[in-house]
């Protein structure tokens, strides 16, 4: 769905728009996340045979987004550092074992 399609097909009721803006501000979501939540809300509204996205649909889409974010490891930078350190240890261990297997 392009940005034009999102503007055309993802019409929000006034309460739904207020709810979505509050959630974006409170959760600190990006414009890309805004678009994703809007698309999921459109899908939920479509499954309910609704032509307009209501606050119920938006709140359900936000819940799915929150569940998605909850699966991410906390402290992204710390996790990245630990993974990098583990990779470095693995490389050093392999470098020590390779000369034993394949002498120069």
Protein backbone atom coordinates (compact mmCIF):
# COMPACT_ATOMS: atom_id res chain seq x y z
CA UNK A 1 0.00 0.00 0.00
CA UNK A 2 1.52 3.30 -1.07
CA UNK A 3 1.28 6.55 0.89
CA UNK A 4 -1.43 7.71 -1.51
CA UNK A 5 -3.41 4.52 -0.90
CA UNK A 6 -3.07 4.96 2.86
CA UNK A 7 -4.46 8.50 2.62
CA UNK A 8 -7.30 7.31 0.39
CA UNK A 9 -8.39 4.11 2.14
CA UNK A 10 -7.42 4.66 5.76
CA UNK A 11 -9.96 7.29 6.77
CA UNK A 12 -10.13 7.74 10.52
CA UNK A 13 -13.08 8.79 12.63
CA UNK A 14 -12.25 11.83 14.79
CA UNK A 15 -11.92 9.88 18.08
CA UNK A 16 -9.72 7.32 16.34
CA UNK A 17 -7.40 10.02 15.02
CA UNK A 18 -7.06 11.56 18.48
CA UNK A 19 -6.34 8.15 19.99
CA UNK A 20 -3.72 7.34 17.36
CA UNK A 21 -1.93 10.67 17.80
CA UNK A 22 -1.87 10.24 21.58
CA UNK A 23 -0.48 6.72 21.24
CA UNK A 24 2.20 7.85 18.80
CA UNK A 25 3.28 10.63 21.17
CA UNK A 26 3.16 8.47 24.31
CA UNK A 27 4.88 5.42 22.82
CA UNK A 28 7.37 7.46 20.80
CA UNK A 29 6.58 5.71 17.54
CA UNK A 30 7.97 6.87 14.22
CA UNK A 31 6.09 7.97 11.12
CA UNK A 32 6.71 4.53 9.68
CA UNK A 33 5.13 2.95 12.77
CA UNK A 34 2.19 5.35 12.42
CA UNK A 35 1.66 4.08 8.89
CA UNK A 36 1.92 0.46 9.98
CA UNK A 37 -0.59 0.92 12.81
CA UNK A 38 -2.92 2.66 10.39
CA UNK A 39 -2.69 -0.21 7.89
CA UNK A 40 -3.34 -2.81 10.57
CA UNK A 41 -6.31 -0.78 11.83
CA UNK A 42 -7.65 -0.66 8.25
CA UNK A 43 -7.35 -4.45 8.05
CA UNK A 44 -9.14 -4.89 11.38
CA UNK A 45 -11.91 -2.53 10.26
CA UNK A 46 -12.21 -4.44 6.99
CA UNK A 47 -12.56 -7.75 8.81
CA UNK A 48 -15.37 -6.16 10.82
CA UNK A 49 -17.01 -4.97 7.55
CA UNK A 50 -16.59 -1.34 8.58
CA UNK A 51 -15.92 1.35 5.99
CA UNK A 52 -14.38 3.78 8.48
CA UNK A 53 -11.62 3.09 10.98
CA UNK A 54 -12.93 3.58 14.50
CA UNK A 55 -11.08 3.97 17.79
CA UNK A 56 -11.75 0.29 18.58
CA UNK A 57 -9.81 -0.73 15.47
CA UNK A 58 -6.98 1.68 16.21
CA UNK A 59 -6.66 0.52 19.81
CA UNK A 60 -6.48 -3.12 18.69
CA UNK A 61 -3.80 -2.24 16.12
CA UNK A 62 -1.82 -0.38 18.79
CA UNK A 63 -2.04 -3.43 21.06
CA UNK A 64 -0.59 -5.59 18.29
CA UNK A 65 2.21 -3.06 17.83
CA UNK A 66 2.90 -3.07 21.56
CA UNK A 67 3.07 -6.87 21.55
CA UNK A 68 5.50 -6.72 18.64
CA UNK A 69 7.75 -4.28 20.48
CA UNK A 70 7.61 -6.35 23.68
CA UNK A 71 9.37 -9.21 21.91
CA UNK A 72 12.40 -7.05 21.19
CA UNK A 73 15.25 -7.40 23.69
CA UNK A 74 15.50 -4.56 26.17
CA UNK A 75 18.54 -2.31 25.97
CA UNK A 76 19.31 -2.63 22.27
CA UNK A 77 22.77 -1.08 22.49
CA UNK A 78 23.80 -3.31 25.40
CA UNK A 79 22.48 -6.38 23.62
CA UNK A 80 24.36 -5.41 20.46
CA UNK A 81 27.58 -4.98 22.46
CA UNK A 82 27.18 -8.42 24.09
CA UNK A 83 26.54 -10.05 20.71
CA UNK A 84 29.62 -8.34 19.24
CA UNK A 85 31.74 -9.52 22.18
CA UNK A 86 30.45 -13.08 21.77
CA UNK A 87 31.29 -13.00 18.07
CA UNK A 88 34.79 -11.72 18.82
CA UNK A 89 35.36 -14.55 21.32
CA UNK A 90 34.11 -17.09 18.79
CA UNK A 91 36.41 -15.71 16.08
CA UNK A 92 39.42 -15.85 18.43
CA UNK A 93 38.57 -19.42 19.41
CA UNK A 94 38.27 -20.41 15.75
CA UNK A 95 41.54 -18.66 14.91
CA UNK A 96 43.27 -20.67 17.65
CA UNK A 97 41.77 -23.97 16.51
CA UNK A 98 42.29 -23.57 12.76
CA UNK A 99 46.11 -23.68 12.87
CA UNK A 100 45.84 -27.00 14.69
CA UNK A 101 43.65 -28.41 11.93
CA UNK A 102 45.45 -26.79 9.01
CA UNK A 103 49.12 -26.15 9.76
CA UNK A 104 50.78 -23.51 7.60
